[in-house]
C-alpha cells in the first residue's frame, strides 16, 4: 500500500467550532460527519475516509473548518482495488461537543441527526443534504428505469430523515427496509416518484452558501438525473 501526504491545510483552527450549531454550514458538516466519519474516544480523533474521487470534498472541509492537518492519499492496490483520501484531527473539545448532537464513537448504531437543534427550513435542509452526501445515493433502477433517491442509516436516523421529508418537503414517508441482513441496525428509505425527486432536489440544494461544501459528484449526478427525469418529450 502506497501512502502520500498532501498538505491542503489552513491556520486558525477553532477548538470551539462545535460549541453551538448556528449556521447552515455547521448543520451540514455535523450531519455528514455523523453519517460518514468516525470518532476514536481513546485519543479524541475525528477521521473522515473517502474515495479519491471525493478528494475535492476533503479540500473544502479542511479549508472551511480551518483544519491544519494533512490529507493522506492511500493506494491500496493490488490488495484492494481502491485509492482513498482521508484526514484526521485530534481534538478533545470537538469530540465532546459533537457528542452533544448525536455523533458517538465508532459508529455503534446509536448515532442521531441534530434535528432537535434546528428550527428553520434552511437548517433542516442542511441536515438532509449532509446525510445524503454521506449515506445517501441517487440511482436509476435497471428494470423499471426509474430514478430513485435513498438514504441509509440506523433506524433512528432513517426515521429522522423521513420526518424532515414529510414536514418540510411534503412527501409521505416510505416503508424502511433492512439494508444489510448481516447488520441489524442499518436501514434504508427511498423515494422514486418524479414529483418527489424534484421537491427533494430543490429542498436539499436551497442553501447557496453550501456550494463550496457539498459533494460535487453527487450534486452533478442528481442534476443530470433530474434533467433526464423531467425532460419533456416533443
Protein backbone atom coordinates (compact mmCIF):
# COMPACT_ATOMS: atom_id res chain seq x y z
CA UNK A 1 0.00 0.00 0.00
CA UNK A 2 1.41 3.37 -1.01
CA UNK A 3 0.67 6.43 1.11
CA UNK A 4 1.15 10.09 0.20
CA UNK A 5 0.69 13.15 2.40
CA UNK A 6 -0.69 16.35 0.90
CA UNK A 7 -0.84 19.50 2.97
CA UNK A 8 -4.00 21.37 1.96
CA UNK A 9 -4.49 22.82 5.41
CA UNK A 10 -5.20 26.28 6.72
CA UNK A 11 -4.48 28.02 10.01
CA UNK A 12 -6.58 29.44 12.85
CA UNK A 13 -8.13 26.18 13.94
CA UNK A 14 -11.14 26.78 16.20
CA UNK A 15 -11.31 24.33 19.12
CA UNK A 16 -14.78 25.61 19.97
CA UNK A 17 -16.22 25.47 16.46
CA UNK A 18 -18.88 22.94 17.52
CA UNK A 19 -19.83 24.75 20.74
CA UNK A 20 -23.16 25.54 19.08
CA UNK A 21 -24.86 24.87 15.77
CA UNK A 22 -25.63 28.35 14.47
CA UNK A 23 -25.01 28.19 10.71
CA UNK A 24 -26.21 26.02 7.85
CA UNK A 25 -22.57 25.08 7.21
CA UNK A 26 -22.26 23.61 10.70
CA UNK A 27 -25.52 21.68 10.36
CA UNK A 28 -24.33 20.27 7.04
CA UNK A 29 -20.92 19.17 8.27
CA UNK A 30 -22.23 17.78 11.55
CA UNK A 31 -24.74 15.61 9.69
CA UNK A 32 -22.13 14.47 7.19
CA UNK A 33 -19.69 13.56 9.96
CA UNK A 34 -22.39 11.66 11.83
CA UNK A 35 -23.04 9.59 8.72
CA UNK A 36 -19.57 9.04 7.30
CA UNK A 37 -16.88 9.94 9.84
CA UNK A 38 -15.69 8.19 12.97
CA UNK A 39 -14.56 9.11 16.46
CA UNK A 40 -11.87 7.31 18.43
CA UNK A 41 -12.53 8.20 22.04
CA UNK A 42 -9.21 6.67 23.12
CA UNK A 43 -7.24 9.53 21.58
CA UNK A 44 -10.00 12.02 20.63
CA UNK A 45 -9.55 11.52 16.90
CA UNK A 46 -12.18 12.51 14.34
CA UNK A 47 -11.49 10.94 10.97
CA UNK A 48 -13.02 11.05 7.51
CA UNK A 49 -12.02 8.44 4.89
CA UNK A 50 -13.39 8.91 1.36
CA UNK A 51 -12.76 7.52 -2.10
CA UNK A 52 -10.19 9.50 -4.06
CA UNK A 53 -12.95 10.74 -6.39
CA UNK A 54 -14.25 12.84 -3.48
CA UNK A 55 -10.89 14.43 -2.72
CA UNK A 56 -12.26 17.88 -3.51
CA UNK A 57 -14.75 17.50 -0.62
CA UNK A 58 -11.87 16.98 1.81
CA UNK A 59 -10.09 20.07 0.49
CA UNK A 60 -13.20 22.18 1.13
CA UNK A 61 -13.71 20.53 4.53
CA UNK A 62 -10.20 21.31 5.76
CA UNK A 63 -10.31 24.88 4.47
CA UNK A 64 -13.82 25.70 5.65
CA UNK A 65 -13.22 24.33 9.14
CA UNK A 66 -9.58 25.50 9.32
CA UNK A 67 -8.23 22.01 9.96
CA UNK A 68 -4.45 22.25 9.90
CA UNK A 69 -3.79 18.59 9.13
CA UNK A 70 -2.51 16.80 6.08
CA UNK A 71 -4.75 14.88 3.69
CA UNK A 72 -3.48 11.33 3.28
CA UNK A 73 -3.72 9.52 -0.05
CA UNK A 74 -3.62 5.73 0.23
CA UNK A 75 -3.21 3.45 -2.77
CA UNK A 76 -4.49 0.08 -1.56
CA UNK A 77 -3.92 -1.69 -4.86
CA UNK A 78 -3.45 -4.53 -5.63
CA UNK A 79 -4.73 -5.86 -2.27
CA UNK A 80 -7.86 -3.77 -2.72
CA UNK A 81 -8.94 -2.02 -5.88
CA UNK A 82 -9.20 1.38 -4.26
CA UNK A 83 -7.44 4.66 -3.64
CA UNK A 84 -8.65 6.61 -0.63
CA UNK A 85 -8.18 10.10 0.77
CA UNK A 86 -8.50 10.82 4.46
CA UNK A 87 -7.99 13.50 7.08
CA UNK A 88 -7.79 13.04 10.82
CA UNK A 89 -7.98 15.63 13.57
CA UNK A 90 -7.30 15.09 17.26
CA UNK A 91 -9.21 17.49 19.44
CA UNK A 92 -10.85 16.72 22.78
CA UNK A 93 -13.23 19.69 22.60
CA UNK A 94 -14.51 18.70 19.16
CA UNK A 95 -15.24 15.17 20.34
CA UNK A 96 -17.01 16.47 23.43
CA UNK A 97 -19.14 18.99 21.53
CA UNK A 98 -20.03 16.69 18.63
CA UNK A 99 -21.32 14.10 21.07
CA UNK A 100 -23.99 16.60 22.15
CA UNK A 101 -25.54 16.43 18.70
CA UNK A 102 -25.59 12.66 18.29
CA UNK A 103 -22.18 11.78 16.88
CA UNK A 104 -20.85 8.94 19.03
CA UNK A 105 -17.60 6.92 18.93
CA UNK A 106 -17.09 4.07 16.49
CA UNK A 107 -20.47 4.11 14.77
CA UNK A 108 -22.35 1.84 17.15
CA UNK A 109 -25.74 2.31 15.52
CA UNK A 110 -26.73 4.87 18.14
CA UNK A 111 -25.99 7.98 16.08
CA UNK A 112 -28.66 10.64 15.68
CA UNK A 113 -29.01 13.70 13.49
CA UNK A 114 -29.10 17.16 15.15
CA UNK A 115 -32.77 17.81 14.35
CA UNK A 116 -33.52 18.96 17.90
CA UNK A 117 -31.09 21.84 17.42
CA UNK A 118 -32.60 23.01 14.11
CA UNK A 119 -35.56 25.36 13.87
CA UNK A 120 -35.66 26.62 10.28
CA UNK A 121 -36.20 25.02 6.85
CA UNK A 122 -32.66 26.10 5.87
CA UNK A 123 -31.17 24.23 8.81
CA UNK A 124 -33.26 21.13 8.17
CA UNK A 125 -32.23 21.28 4.52
CA UNK A 126 -28.58 21.33 5.57
CA UNK A 127 -29.09 18.29 7.79
CA UNK A 128 -30.76 16.36 4.97
CA UNK A 129 -28.05 17.30 2.46
CA UNK A 130 -25.33 16.28 4.93
CA UNK A 131 -26.74 12.81 5.47
CA UNK A 132 -27.47 12.46 1.74
CA UNK A 133 -23.84 13.24 0.88
CA UNK A 134 -22.54 10.81 3.48
CA UNK A 135 -25.05 7.93 3.39
CA UNK A 136 -27.40 8.64 0.52
CA UNK A 137 -27.44 7.94 -3.19
CA UNK A 138 -29.32 8.71 -6.39
CA UNK A 139 -29.56 5.95 -8.97
CA UNK A 140 -31.52 4.52 -11.88
CA UNK A 141 -33.26 1.18 -11.46
CA UNK A 142 -32.20 -1.36 -14.05
CA UNK A 143 -35.62 -2.97 -14.51
CA UNK A 144 -38.02 -0.02 -14.35
CA UNK A 145 -35.52 2.66 -15.46
CA UNK A 146 -36.96 4.88 -12.72
CA UNK A 147 -34.74 7.22 -10.79
CA UNK A 148 -34.61 6.85 -7.02
CA UNK A 149 -33.07 8.65 -4.07
CA UNK A 150 -32.26 6.63 -0.98
CA UNK A 151 -30.93 7.34 2.50
CA UNK A 152 -29.15 4.82 4.69
CA UNK A 153 -28.53 4.72 8.43
CA UNK A 154 -29.69 3.28 11.70
CA UNK A 155 -33.40 3.15 12.39
CA UNK A 156 -33.42 6.43 14.32
CA UNK A 157 -31.58 8.31 11.58
CA UNK A 158 -33.89 6.95 8.87
CA UNK A 159 -36.92 7.95 10.91
CA UNK A 160 -35.46 11.43 11.36
CA UNK A 161 -34.88 11.67 7.60
CA UNK A 162 -38.48 10.63 6.94
CA UNK A 163 -39.76 13.19 9.45
CA UNK A 164 -37.81 16.01 7.77
CA UNK A 165 -39.01 14.96 4.32
CA UNK A 166 -42.61 14.73 5.47
CA UNK A 167 -42.74 18.01 7.38
CA UNK A 168 -40.54 20.23 5.23
CA UNK A 169 -40.80 18.71 1.74
CA UNK A 170 -44.37 17.41 1.90
CA UNK A 171 -43.52 13.83 0.94
CA UNK A 172 -45.13 10.93 2.74
CA UNK A 173 -42.52 8.56 4.20
CA UNK A 174 -41.99 5.20 2.55
CA UNK A 175 -41.53 1.96 4.41
CA UNK A 176 -37.99 1.45 5.66
CA UNK A 177 -36.19 -1.76 4.78
CA UNK A 178 -33.27 -3.55 6.39
CA UNK A 179 -30.35 -2.58 4.18
CA UNK A 180 -27.86 -5.18 5.34
CA UNK A 181 -29.07 -8.50 6.71
CA UNK A 182 -25.68 -9.06 8.32
CA UNK A 183 -26.02 -5.85 10.32
CA UNK A 184 -29.20 -5.43 12.34
CA UNK A 185 -29.10 -1.63 12.60
CA UNK A 186 -28.54 -0.46 9.00
CA UNK A 187 -31.79 0.58 7.35
CA UNK A 188 -32.68 2.45 4.17
CA UNK A 189 -35.52 4.63 2.92
CA UNK A 190 -36.01 5.58 -0.72
CA UNK A 191 -38.20 7.73 -2.98
CA UNK A 192 -38.84 7.40 -6.69
CA UNK A 193 -41.85 9.48 -7.79
CA UNK A 194 -40.77 12.16 -10.26
CA UNK A 195 -42.53 14.97 -8.39
CA UNK A 196 -40.90 13.83 -5.14
CA UNK A 197 -37.43 13.89 -6.69
CA UNK A 198 -37.97 17.47 -7.85
CA UNK A 199 -39.06 18.51 -4.36
CA UNK A 200 -36.12 16.75 -2.71
CA UNK A 201 -33.63 18.30 -5.12
CA UNK A 202 -34.97 21.81 -4.63
CA UNK A 203 -35.08 21.44 -0.85
CA UNK A 204 -31.66 19.89 -0.33
CA UNK A 205 -29.84 22.39 -2.55
CA UNK A 206 -31.70 25.50 -1.39
CA UNK A 207 -28.75 26.93 0.60
CA UNK A 208 -26.40 28.60 -1.88
CA UNK A 209 -23.78 29.16 0.83
CA UNK A 210 -23.16 25.40 0.83
CA UNK A 211 -21.95 25.30 -2.77
CA UNK A 212 -18.34 25.03 -1.56
CA UNK A 213 -19.25 22.33 0.97
CA UNK A 214 -21.38 19.60 -0.58
CA UNK A 215 -20.17 16.68 -2.68
CA UNK A 216 -19.89 17.98 -6.22
CA UNK A 217 -20.03 14.43 -7.59
CA UNK A 218 -23.44 13.70 -6.09
CA UNK A 219 -24.77 17.14 -6.98
CA UNK A 220 -23.73 16.65 -10.61
CA UNK A 221 -25.24 13.16 -10.71
CA UNK A 222 -28.51 14.30 -9.15
CA UNK A 223 -28.66 17.31 -11.51
CA UNK A 224 -28.08 15.09 -14.54
CA UNK A 225 -30.73 12.64 -13.42
CA UNK A 226 -33.17 15.46 -12.77
CA UNK A 227 -32.69 16.86 -16.26
CA UNK A 228 -33.30 13.41 -17.73
CA UNK A 229 -36.25 12.54 -15.48
CA UNK A 230 -38.07 15.81 -16.09
CA UNK A 231 -37.25 16.21 -19.78
CA UNK A 232 -40.31 16.90 -21.92
CA UNK A 233 -40.55 14.70 -24.98
CA UNK A 234 -41.83 16.63 -28.00
